[in-house]
Amino acid sequence: MFRHRGKRRTFIHNLRLAALLSFVAGLVNVCGVLSLKTLTTNVTGHFAFFAEELVNRHYTDSMFFLIYIICFLLGAFVSNLLVEIINKKSNRYSHSAPMVFEILILTGVGMYNFQGDIAIGYTRIIAGILLFAMGVQNSLVTQVSNARVRTTHLTGLFTDLGIELSQLFFYRLPEEKKALSKS
């Protein structure tokens, strides 16, 4: 799924990637909506809720939506940061690390012992963790497929922003910065 990059990727490679990871995102979102009563795979809805709470002067509630947005952004940032760091040592496994990281996060959340009222206090934290994991996934999918397989609207924009921000740590030569600013 991650072996083929750039021009070596075919429509079938991207279709498999999209099918599998869309399935994962769908599961995460259904579980998030049903158990946490919040979206857990994208940030578009959270921007709308954030704006609504600001307009209604519910500043504390608006901050929770801002934190959700930042969690997703951090996930995209960390995913690409992992790819870049590992790519310096071994190109072969650079795209596997974010996927393993996402699997560990989702497994940890899935194995968490939800017990009635105890879980209610942690729903916002769990939602933030799931949004972070989906930021990791979206960044990875966008990078591996050269943006052919990706999410849309603000989710895709925040994925791109997380990738670009992490690349600022690695591309320091003037010609690299120039190329980065054009992408």
N, C-alpha and C. Protein backbone atom coordinates (compact mmCIF):
# COMPACT_ATOMS: atom_id res chain seq x y z
N MET A 1 0.83 -1.19 0.00
CA MET A 1 0.00 0.00 0.00
C MET A 1 0.88 1.25 0.00
N PHE A 2 2.05 1.20 0.65
CA PHE A 2 2.91 2.38 0.75
C PHE A 2 4.18 2.25 -0.09
N ARG A 3 4.41 1.07 -0.69
CA ARG A 3 5.63 0.84 -1.45
C ARG A 3 5.70 1.73 -2.68
N HIS A 4 4.60 1.89 -3.36
CA HIS A 4 4.58 2.62 -4.62
C HIS A 4 4.31 4.10 -4.34
N ARG A 5 5.22 4.94 -4.85
CA ARG A 5 5.09 6.37 -4.64
C ARG A 5 5.22 7.10 -5.96
N GLY A 6 4.69 8.31 -5.98
CA GLY A 6 4.86 9.16 -7.16
C GLY A 6 4.25 8.54 -8.40
N LYS A 7 5.01 8.55 -9.48
CA LYS A 7 4.51 8.05 -10.77
C LYS A 7 4.37 6.54 -10.79
N ARG A 8 4.96 5.86 -9.84
CA ARG A 8 4.83 4.40 -9.78
C ARG A 8 3.47 3.96 -9.22
N ARG A 9 2.72 4.89 -8.64
CA ARG A 9 1.40 4.55 -8.10
C ARG A 9 0.40 4.48 -9.24
N THR A 10 -0.42 3.46 -9.21
CA THR A 10 -1.45 3.31 -10.23
C THR A 10 -2.82 3.64 -9.63
N PHE A 11 -3.81 3.67 -10.48
CA PHE A 11 -5.18 3.90 -10.02
C PHE A 11 -5.57 2.83 -9.00
N ILE A 12 -5.19 1.59 -9.25
CA ILE A 12 -5.53 0.48 -8.34
C ILE A 12 -4.87 0.67 -6.98
N HIS A 13 -3.61 1.10 -6.96
CA HIS A 13 -2.94 1.37 -5.68
C HIS A 13 -3.73 2.41 -4.88
N ASN A 14 -4.11 3.50 -5.55
CA ASN A 14 -4.84 4.56 -4.87
C ASN A 14 -6.24 4.12 -4.47
N LEU A 15 -6.86 3.30 -5.29
CA LEU A 15 -8.19 2.79 -4.96
C LEU A 15 -8.14 1.92 -3.71
N ARG A 16 -7.14 1.06 -3.62
CA ARG A 16 -6.99 0.21 -2.43
C ARG A 16 -6.73 1.06 -1.18
N LEU A 17 -5.85 2.04 -1.33
CA LEU A 17 -5.54 2.93 -0.21
C LEU A 17 -6.79 3.67 0.23
N ALA A 18 -7.52 4.23 -0.73
CA ALA A 18 -8.74 4.98 -0.41
C ALA A 18 -9.79 4.09 0.23
N ALA A 19 -9.96 2.89 -0.30
CA ALA A 19 -11.00 1.99 0.23
C ALA A 19 -10.71 1.59 1.67
N LEU A 20 -9.49 1.16 1.93
CA LEU A 20 -9.14 0.70 3.26
C LEU A 20 -9.19 1.83 4.29
N LEU A 21 -8.56 2.94 3.97
CA LEU A 21 -8.49 4.01 4.96
C LEU A 21 -9.79 4.80 5.07
N SER A 22 -10.61 4.81 4.03
CA SER A 22 -11.95 5.39 4.14
C SER A 22 -12.81 4.53 5.06
N PHE A 23 -12.63 3.22 4.98
CA PHE A 23 -13.34 2.30 5.87
C PHE A 23 -12.95 2.57 7.32
N VAL A 24 -11.64 2.71 7.57
CA VAL A 24 -11.16 3.01 8.92
C VAL A 24 -11.74 4.33 9.41
N ALA A 25 -11.67 5.36 8.57
CA ALA A 25 -12.20 6.68 8.96
C ALA A 25 -13.70 6.60 9.22
N GLY A 26 -14.41 5.83 8.41
CA GLY A 26 -15.85 5.66 8.63
C GLY A 26 -16.15 5.01 9.97
N LEU A 27 -15.38 3.98 10.30
CA LEU A 27 -15.55 3.33 11.60
C LEU A 27 -15.28 4.30 12.75
N VAL A 28 -14.19 5.03 12.63
CA VAL A 28 -13.83 5.99 13.68
C VAL A 28 -14.92 7.04 13.83
N ASN A 29 -15.44 7.53 12.71
CA ASN A 29 -16.46 8.57 12.79
C ASN A 29 -17.77 8.04 13.36
N VAL A 30 -18.19 6.86 12.94
CA VAL A 30 -19.43 6.29 13.47
C VAL A 30 -19.30 6.06 14.98
N CYS A 31 -18.16 5.50 15.38
CA CYS A 31 -17.94 5.27 16.82
C CYS A 31 -17.91 6.60 17.58
N GLY A 32 -17.27 7.59 17.00
CA GLY A 32 -17.20 8.90 17.66
C GLY A 32 -18.55 9.55 17.79
N VAL A 33 -19.34 9.51 16.73
CA VAL A 33 -20.66 10.13 16.77
C VAL A 33 -21.58 9.38 17.73
N LEU A 34 -21.57 8.06 17.67
CA LEU A 34 -22.48 7.28 18.53
C LEU A 34 -22.07 7.29 19.99
N SER A 35 -20.78 7.17 20.28
CA SER A 35 -20.37 7.07 21.69
C SER A 35 -19.97 8.40 22.30
N LEU A 36 -19.41 9.31 21.49
CA LEU A 36 -18.93 10.58 22.04
C LEU A 36 -19.81 11.76 21.65
N LYS A 37 -20.72 11.54 20.73
CA LYS A 37 -21.62 12.58 20.22
C LYS A 37 -20.86 13.73 19.57
N THR A 38 -19.77 13.39 18.87
CA THR A 38 -19.01 14.41 18.15
C THR A 38 -18.33 13.81 16.93
N LEU A 39 -18.04 14.66 15.95
CA LEU A 39 -17.32 14.23 14.75
C LEU A 39 -15.87 13.95 15.13
N THR A 40 -15.32 12.86 14.60
CA THR A 40 -13.96 12.50 14.98
C THR A 40 -13.04 12.22 13.80
N THR A 41 -13.46 12.60 12.59
CA THR A 41 -12.58 12.33 11.45
C THR A 41 -12.22 13.56 10.64
N ASN A 42 -12.84 14.68 10.88
CA ASN A 42 -12.53 15.86 10.08
C ASN A 42 -12.72 17.12 10.90
N VAL A 43 -12.31 18.25 10.35
CA VAL A 43 -12.41 19.50 11.09
C VAL A 43 -13.42 20.47 10.51
N THR A 44 -13.97 20.18 9.36
CA THR A 44 -14.90 21.11 8.73
C THR A 44 -16.07 21.44 9.65
N GLY A 45 -16.70 20.42 10.20
CA GLY A 45 -17.83 20.65 11.11
C GLY A 45 -17.42 21.37 12.37
N HIS A 46 -16.21 21.10 12.86
CA HIS A 46 -15.75 21.76 14.08
C HIS A 46 -15.51 23.25 13.86
N PHE A 47 -15.08 23.62 12.65
CA PHE A 47 -14.96 25.05 12.35
C PHE A 47 -16.33 25.72 12.42
N ALA A 48 -17.35 25.06 11.90
CA ALA A 48 -18.70 25.62 11.94
C ALA A 48 -19.18 25.74 13.39
N PHE A 49 -18.96 24.70 14.19
CA PHE A 49 -19.36 24.75 15.60
C PHE A 49 -18.57 25.82 16.35
N PHE A 50 -17.28 25.93 16.06
CA PHE A 50 -16.44 26.95 16.68
C PHE A 50 -16.99 28.34 16.40
N ALA A 51 -17.29 28.61 15.14
CA ALA A 51 -17.83 29.92 14.76
C ALA A 51 -19.18 30.18 15.42
N GLU A 52 -20.02 29.16 15.45
CA GLU A 52 -21.35 29.31 16.06
C GLU A 52 -21.23 29.64 17.55
N GLU A 53 -20.35 28.94 18.25
CA GLU A 53 -20.18 29.21 19.68
C GLU A 53 -19.60 30.59 19.93
N LEU A 54 -18.71 31.04 19.07
CA LEU A 54 -18.19 32.41 19.20
C LEU A 54 -19.29 33.45 19.02
N VAL A 55 -20.11 33.26 18.00
CA VAL A 55 -21.20 34.20 17.73
C VAL A 55 -22.17 34.23 18.90
N ASN A 56 -22.42 33.07 19.49
CA ASN A 56 -23.34 32.98 20.63
C ASN A 56 -22.68 33.36 21.95
N ARG A 57 -21.43 33.75 21.88
CA ARG A 57 -20.64 34.16 23.06
C ARG A 57 -20.48 33.06 24.09
N HIS A 58 -20.40 31.85 23.62
CA HIS A 58 -20.10 30.70 24.47
C HIS A 58 -18.61 30.39 24.29
N TYR A 59 -17.79 31.22 24.88
CA TYR A 59 -16.35 31.17 24.61
C TYR A 59 -15.68 29.89 25.10
N THR A 60 -16.12 29.37 26.22
CA THR A 60 -15.54 28.13 26.73
C THR A 60 -15.83 26.98 25.77
N ASP A 61 -17.07 26.87 25.33
CA ASP A 61 -17.43 25.81 24.39
C ASP A 61 -16.69 25.99 23.07
N SER A 62 -16.52 27.22 22.63
CA SER A 62 -15.82 27.46 21.37
C SER A 62 -14.37 26.99 21.46
N MET A 63 -13.76 27.11 22.63
CA MET A 63 -12.37 26.68 22.78
C MET A 63 -12.21 25.17 22.62
N PHE A 64 -13.23 24.42 23.04
CA PHE A 64 -13.15 22.97 22.84
C PHE A 64 -13.10 22.62 21.36
N PHE A 65 -13.89 23.33 20.55
CA PHE A 65 -13.86 23.08 19.11
C PHE A 65 -12.53 23.52 18.51
N LEU A 66 -11.97 24.59 19.02
CA LEU A 66 -10.65 25.02 18.56
C LEU A 66 -9.59 23.98 18.92
N ILE A 67 -9.70 23.41 20.09
CA ILE A 67 -8.77 22.35 20.51
C ILE A 67 -8.91 21.13 19.60
N TYR A 68 -10.14 20.76 19.22
CA TYR A 68 -10.33 19.66 18.28
C TYR A 68 -9.62 19.93 16.97
N ILE A 69 -9.76 21.15 16.46
CA ILE A 69 -9.12 21.54 15.20
C ILE A 69 -7.60 21.43 15.33
N ILE A 70 -7.08 21.90 16.43
CA ILE A 70 -5.63 21.85 16.67
C ILE A 70 -5.15 20.40 16.81
N CYS A 71 -5.95 19.54 17.43
CA CYS A 71 -5.59 18.12 17.55
C CYS A 71 -5.42 17.50 16.17
N PHE A 72 -6.34 17.77 15.26
CA PHE A 72 -6.24 17.24 13.90
C PHE A 72 -4.99 17.80 13.21
N LEU A 73 -4.77 19.09 13.34
CA LEU A 73 -3.60 19.73 12.74
C LEU A 73 -2.32 19.12 13.28
N LEU A 74 -2.25 18.89 14.57
CA LEU A 74 -1.07 18.27 15.17
C LEU A 74 -0.86 16.85 14.66
N GLY A 75 -1.94 16.11 14.45
CA GLY A 75 -1.82 14.77 13.90
C GLY A 75 -1.20 14.79 12.51
N ALA A 76 -1.65 15.71 11.66
CA ALA A 76 -1.08 15.84 10.31
C ALA A 76 0.38 16.25 10.39
N PHE A 77 0.68 17.15 11.32
CA PHE A 77 2.06 17.63 11.51
C PHE A 77 2.97 16.48 11.95
N VAL A 78 2.55 15.74 12.97
CA VAL A 78 3.35 14.64 13.52
C VAL A 78 3.54 13.54 12.48
N SER A 79 2.50 13.23 11.72
CA SER A 79 2.61 12.21 10.69
C SER A 79 3.71 12.54 9.70
N ASN A 80 3.69 13.74 9.17
CA ASN A 80 4.70 14.10 8.19
C ASN A 80 6.07 14.26 8.84
N LEU A 81 6.11 14.70 10.07
CA LEU A 81 7.37 14.80 10.79
C LEU A 81 8.01 13.41 10.92
N LEU A 82 7.20 12.41 11.27
CA LEU A 82 7.70 11.03 11.34
C LEU A 82 8.23 10.56 9.99
N VAL A 83 7.48 10.83 8.94
CA VAL A 83 7.92 10.42 7.59
C VAL A 83 9.26 11.05 7.26
N GLU A 84 9.40 12.34 7.52
CA GLU A 84 10.64 13.04 7.18
C GLU A 84 11.82 12.54 8.00
N ILE A 85 11.62 12.33 9.29
CA ILE A 85 12.70 11.85 10.16
C ILE A 85 13.14 10.45 9.73
N ILE A 86 12.19 9.55 9.53
CA ILE A 86 12.52 8.18 9.17
C ILE A 86 13.07 8.11 7.75
N ASN A 87 12.58 8.98 6.88
CA ASN A 87 13.06 9.01 5.50
C ASN A 87 14.55 9.35 5.42
N LYS A 88 15.06 10.09 6.38
CA LYS A 88 16.48 10.43 6.42
C LYS A 88 17.33 9.18 6.68
N LYS A 89 16.75 8.20 7.40
CA LYS A 89 17.49 6.99 7.77
C LYS A 89 17.19 5.83 6.82
N SER A 90 15.90 5.63 6.51
CA SER A 90 15.51 4.50 5.67
C SER A 90 14.21 4.84 4.95
N ASN A 91 14.31 5.02 3.67
CA ASN A 91 13.15 5.37 2.85
C ASN A 91 12.10 4.25 2.85
N ARG A 92 12.54 3.04 3.11
CA ARG A 92 11.66 1.88 3.00
C ARG A 92 10.50 1.88 3.99
N TYR A 93 10.74 2.33 5.21
CA TYR A 93 9.71 2.25 6.25
C TYR A 93 9.12 3.60 6.63
N SER A 94 9.46 4.64 5.91
CA SER A 94 9.05 5.98 6.33
C SER A 94 7.54 6.16 6.39
N HIS A 95 6.80 5.50 5.51
CA HIS A 95 5.35 5.66 5.51
C HIS A 95 4.64 4.65 6.41
N SER A 96 5.36 3.66 6.86
CA SER A 96 4.76 2.68 7.76
C SER A 96 4.65 3.22 9.18
N ALA A 97 5.60 4.04 9.58
CA ALA A 97 5.61 4.54 10.97
C ALA A 97 4.33 5.30 11.35
N PRO A 98 3.86 6.25 10.53
CA PRO A 98 2.62 6.92 10.91
C PRO A 98 1.43 5.96 10.98
N MET A 99 1.41 4.95 10.09
CA MET A 99 0.31 4.00 10.11
C MET A 99 0.35 3.16 11.39
N VAL A 100 1.53 2.72 11.78
CA VAL A 100 1.68 1.96 13.03
C VAL A 100 1.27 2.84 14.22
N PHE A 101 1.68 4.10 14.18
CA PHE A 101 1.32 5.06 15.23
C PHE A 101 -0.20 5.20 15.32
N GLU A 102 -0.86 5.33 14.17
CA GLU A 102 -2.32 5.44 14.15
C GLU A 102 -2.97 4.18 14.70
N ILE A 103 -2.45 3.03 14.30
CA ILE A 103 -2.99 1.75 14.79
C ILE A 103 -2.88 1.68 16.31
N LEU A 104 -1.74 2.08 16.85
CA LEU A 104 -1.55 2.07 18.31
C LEU A 104 -2.54 3.00 19.00
N ILE A 105 -2.75 4.18 18.44
CA ILE A 105 -3.70 5.14 19.03
C ILE A 105 -5.11 4.56 19.01
N LEU A 106 -5.54 4.07 17.85
CA LEU A 106 -6.90 3.54 17.74
C LEU A 106 -7.10 2.29 18.59
N THR A 107 -6.09 1.45 18.67
CA THR A 107 -6.16 0.25 19.52
C THR A 107 -6.26 0.67 20.99
N GLY A 108 -5.45 1.65 21.38
CA GLY A 108 -5.50 2.14 22.76
C GLY A 108 -6.86 2.68 23.14
N VAL A 109 -7.43 3.48 22.25
CA VAL A 109 -8.77 4.03 22.51
C VAL A 109 -9.81 2.90 22.52
N GLY A 110 -9.66 1.97 21.58
CA GLY A 110 -10.61 0.86 21.51
C GLY A 110 -10.56 -0.06 22.72
N MET A 111 -9.39 -0.18 23.32
CA MET A 111 -9.24 -1.07 24.47
C MET A 111 -9.50 -0.36 25.80
N TYR A 112 -9.68 0.96 25.74
CA TYR A 112 -9.97 1.71 26.95
C TYR A 112 -11.25 1.16 27.57
N ASN A 113 -11.26 1.00 28.85
CA ASN A 113 -12.39 0.41 29.57
C ASN A 113 -13.44 1.48 29.85
N PHE A 114 -14.39 1.63 28.94
CA PHE A 114 -15.47 2.60 29.12
C PHE A 114 -16.47 2.05 30.13
N GLN A 115 -16.68 2.80 31.20
CA GLN A 115 -17.63 2.37 32.23
C GLN A 115 -18.54 3.52 32.59
N GLY A 116 -19.65 3.62 31.93
CA GLY A 116 -20.70 4.57 32.28
C GLY A 116 -20.23 6.00 32.46
N ASP A 117 -20.45 6.52 33.68
CA ASP A 117 -20.19 7.92 33.97
C ASP A 117 -18.71 8.29 33.91
N ILE A 118 -17.82 7.34 34.13
CA ILE A 118 -16.38 7.63 34.09
C ILE A 118 -16.00 8.12 32.70
N ALA A 119 -16.54 7.49 31.67
CA ALA A 119 -16.20 7.85 30.30
C ALA A 119 -16.73 9.23 29.92
N ILE A 120 -17.82 9.66 30.51
CA ILE A 120 -18.41 10.95 30.16
C ILE A 120 -17.42 12.08 30.39
N GLY A 121 -16.67 12.04 31.45
CA GLY A 121 -15.69 13.08 31.73
C GLY A 121 -14.54 13.11 30.74
N TYR A 122 -14.34 12.03 30.03
CA TYR A 122 -13.21 11.93 29.11
C TYR A 122 -13.61 12.01 27.64
N THR A 123 -14.87 12.27 27.34
CA THR A 123 -15.30 12.24 25.95
C THR A 123 -14.56 13.27 25.10
N ARG A 124 -14.33 14.45 25.62
CA ARG A 124 -13.63 15.48 24.83
C ARG A 124 -12.16 15.10 24.62
N ILE A 125 -11.55 14.48 25.61
CA ILE A 125 -10.16 14.04 25.46
C ILE A 125 -10.08 12.93 24.42
N ILE A 126 -11.00 11.97 24.50
CA ILE A 126 -11.01 10.86 23.55
C ILE A 126 -11.28 11.38 22.14
N ALA A 127 -12.22 12.32 22.00
CA ALA A 127 -12.49 12.91 20.69
C ALA A 127 -11.23 13.60 20.14
N GLY A 128 -10.51 14.31 20.99
CA GLY A 128 -9.27 14.95 20.56
C GLY A 128 -8.23 13.95 20.12
N ILE A 129 -8.13 12.84 20.83
CA ILE A 129 -7.18 11.77 20.46
C ILE A 129 -7.56 11.17 19.10
N LEU A 130 -8.86 10.92 18.91
CA LEU A 130 -9.30 10.36 17.63
C LEU A 130 -9.08 11.35 16.48
N LEU A 131 -9.30 12.63 16.72
CA LEU A 131 -9.04 13.63 15.69
C LEU A 131 -7.54 13.70 15.37
N PHE A 132 -6.71 13.57 16.38
CA PHE A 132 -5.26 13.52 16.15
C PHE A 132 -4.92 12.33 15.25
N ALA A 133 -5.48 11.16 15.56
CA ALA A 133 -5.22 9.96 14.76
C ALA A 133 -5.68 10.14 13.32
N MET A 134 -6.81 10.80 13.12
CA MET A 134 -7.31 11.03 11.76
C MET A 134 -6.45 12.06 11.02
N GLY A 135 -5.86 13.00 11.76
CA GLY A 135 -4.90 13.92 11.14
C GLY A 135 -3.67 13.16 10.67
N VAL A 136 -3.22 12.21 11.49
CA VAL A 136 -2.09 11.35 11.09
C VAL A 136 -2.45 10.62 9.80
N GLN A 137 -3.62 10.00 9.76
CA GLN A 137 -4.04 9.23 8.59
C GLN A 137 -4.18 10.11 7.36
N ASN A 138 -4.85 11.25 7.50
CA ASN A 138 -5.08 12.11 6.34
C ASN A 138 -3.78 12.65 5.76
N SER A 139 -2.85 12.99 6.62
CA SER A 139 -1.56 13.47 6.15
C SER A 139 -0.83 12.38 5.38
N LEU A 140 -0.84 11.18 5.93
CA LEU A 140 -0.16 10.06 5.29
C LEU A 140 -0.77 9.74 3.92
N VAL A 141 -2.08 9.67 3.86
CA VAL A 141 -2.77 9.36 2.61
C VAL A 141 -2.49 10.44 1.57
N THR A 142 -2.53 11.68 1.98
CA THR A 142 -2.27 12.78 1.06
C THR A 142 -0.86 12.70 0.50
N GLN A 143 0.09 12.42 1.37
CA GLN A 143 1.48 12.37 0.94
C GLN A 143 1.77 11.16 0.05
N VAL A 144 1.31 9.99 0.45
CA VAL A 144 1.59 8.76 -0.30
C VAL A 144 0.98 8.83 -1.70
N SER A 145 -0.20 9.37 -1.82
CA SER A 145 -0.91 9.38 -3.11
C SER A 145 -0.65 10.63 -3.93
N ASN A 146 0.26 11.47 -3.49
CA ASN A 146 0.50 12.76 -4.15
C ASN A 146 -0.79 13.57 -4.26
N ALA A 147 -1.56 13.57 -3.22
CA ALA A 147 -2.81 14.32 -3.07
C ALA A 147 -3.92 13.83 -4.02
N ARG A 148 -3.80 12.64 -4.55
CA ARG A 148 -4.87 12.09 -5.38
C ARG A 148 -5.96 11.46 -4.52
N VAL A 149 -5.56 10.89 -3.42
CA VAL A 149 -6.52 10.35 -2.46
C VAL A 149 -6.44 11.30 -1.27
N ARG A 150 -7.54 11.96 -1.00
CA ARG A 150 -7.52 12.94 0.08
C ARG A 150 -8.93 13.33 0.48
N THR A 151 -8.99 14.03 1.57
CA THR A 151 -10.27 14.56 2.00
C THR A 151 -10.45 15.93 1.39
N THR A 152 -11.63 16.49 1.58
CA THR A 152 -11.93 17.77 0.94
C THR A 152 -12.17 18.85 1.98
N HIS A 153 -12.37 20.03 1.51
CA HIS A 153 -12.70 21.21 2.30
C HIS A 153 -11.62 21.50 3.33
N LEU A 154 -12.00 21.91 4.52
CA LEU A 154 -11.03 22.33 5.52
C LEU A 154 -10.17 21.18 6.02
N THR A 155 -10.70 19.99 6.02
CA THR A 155 -9.91 18.84 6.45
C THR A 155 -8.67 18.70 5.58
N GLY A 156 -8.84 18.75 4.28
CA GLY A 156 -7.71 18.66 3.36
C GLY A 156 -6.76 19.83 3.52
N LEU A 157 -7.30 21.01 3.73
CA LEU A 157 -6.44 22.18 3.92
C LEU A 157 -5.59 22.06 5.17
N PHE A 158 -6.18 21.57 6.25
CA PHE A 158 -5.41 21.41 7.48
C PHE A 158 -4.40 20.27 7.37
N THR A 159 -4.73 19.26 6.58
CA THR A 159 -3.76 18.20 6.31
C THR A 159 -2.56 18.80 5.60
N ASP A 160 -2.82 19.57 4.53
CA ASP A 160 -1.73 20.23 3.79
C ASP A 160 -0.92 21.15 4.70
N LEU A 161 -1.60 21.92 5.54
CA LEU A 161 -0.91 22.84 6.44
C LEU A 161 -0.01 22.08 7.41
N GLY A 162 -0.50 20.97 7.97
CA GLY A 162 0.33 20.16 8.88
C GLY A 162 1.56 19.62 8.19
N ILE A 163 1.40 19.16 6.94
CA ILE A 163 2.54 18.65 6.16
C ILE A 163 3.55 19.76 5.92
N GLU A 164 3.07 20.91 5.44
CA GLU A 164 3.97 22.02 5.10
C GLU A 164 4.70 22.55 6.33
N LEU A 165 4.00 22.66 7.44
CA LEU A 165 4.64 23.16 8.67
C LEU A 165 5.75 22.22 9.12
N SER A 166 5.52 20.90 9.03
CA SER A 166 6.56 19.97 9.46
C SER A 166 7.75 20.01 8.51
N GLN A 167 7.52 20.28 7.24
CA GLN A 167 8.62 20.33 6.28
C GLN A 167 9.53 21.54 6.52
N LEU A 168 9.05 22.56 7.19
CA LEU A 168 9.89 23.71 7.50
C LEU A 168 11.10 23.32 8.36
N PHE A 169 11.00 22.19 9.07
CA PHE A 169 12.10 21.72 9.89
C PHE A 169 13.21 21.07 9.07
N PHE A 170 12.90 20.67 7.84
CA PHE A 170 13.86 19.89 7.06
C PHE A 170 14.41 20.60 5.84
N TYR A 171 13.66 21.50 5.26
CA TYR A 171 14.08 22.16 4.02
C TYR A 171 14.58 23.57 4.36
N ARG A 172 15.90 23.70 4.47
CA ARG A 172 16.48 24.95 4.94
C ARG A 172 17.28 25.70 3.88
N LEU A 173 17.72 25.00 2.84
CA LEU A 173 18.48 25.67 1.79
C LEU A 173 17.55 26.60 1.01
N PRO A 174 18.07 27.73 0.53
CA PRO A 174 17.21 28.70 -0.17
C PRO A 174 16.41 28.09 -1.33
N GLU A 175 17.03 27.22 -2.13
CA GLU A 175 16.31 26.62 -3.25
C GLU A 175 15.23 25.64 -2.78
N GLU A 176 15.49 24.97 -1.63
CA GLU A 176 14.48 24.07 -1.07
C GLU A 176 13.30 24.86 -0.53
N LYS A 177 13.59 25.97 0.15
CA LYS A 177 12.50 26.81 0.68
C LYS A 177 11.67 27.39 -0.47
N LYS A 178 12.35 27.77 -1.55
CA LYS A 178 11.64 28.31 -2.71
C LYS A 178 10.72 27.25 -3.30
N ALA A 179 11.23 26.03 -3.45
CA ALA A 179 10.41 24.93 -3.98
C ALA A 179 9.26 24.62 -3.03
N LEU A 180 9.50 24.68 -1.73
CA LEU A 180 8.47 24.40 -0.75
C LEU A 180 7.37 25.44 -0.82
N SER A 181 7.74 26.71 -0.99
CA SER A 181 6.72 27.76 -1.04
C SER A 181 5.86 27.68 -2.30
N LYS A 182 6.36 27.03 -3.35
CA LYS A 182 5.59 26.87 -4.58
C LYS A 182 4.65 25.69 -4.52
N SER A 183 4.87 24.75 -3.59
CA SER A 183 4.02 23.56 -3.54
C SER A 183 2.72 23.81 -2.84
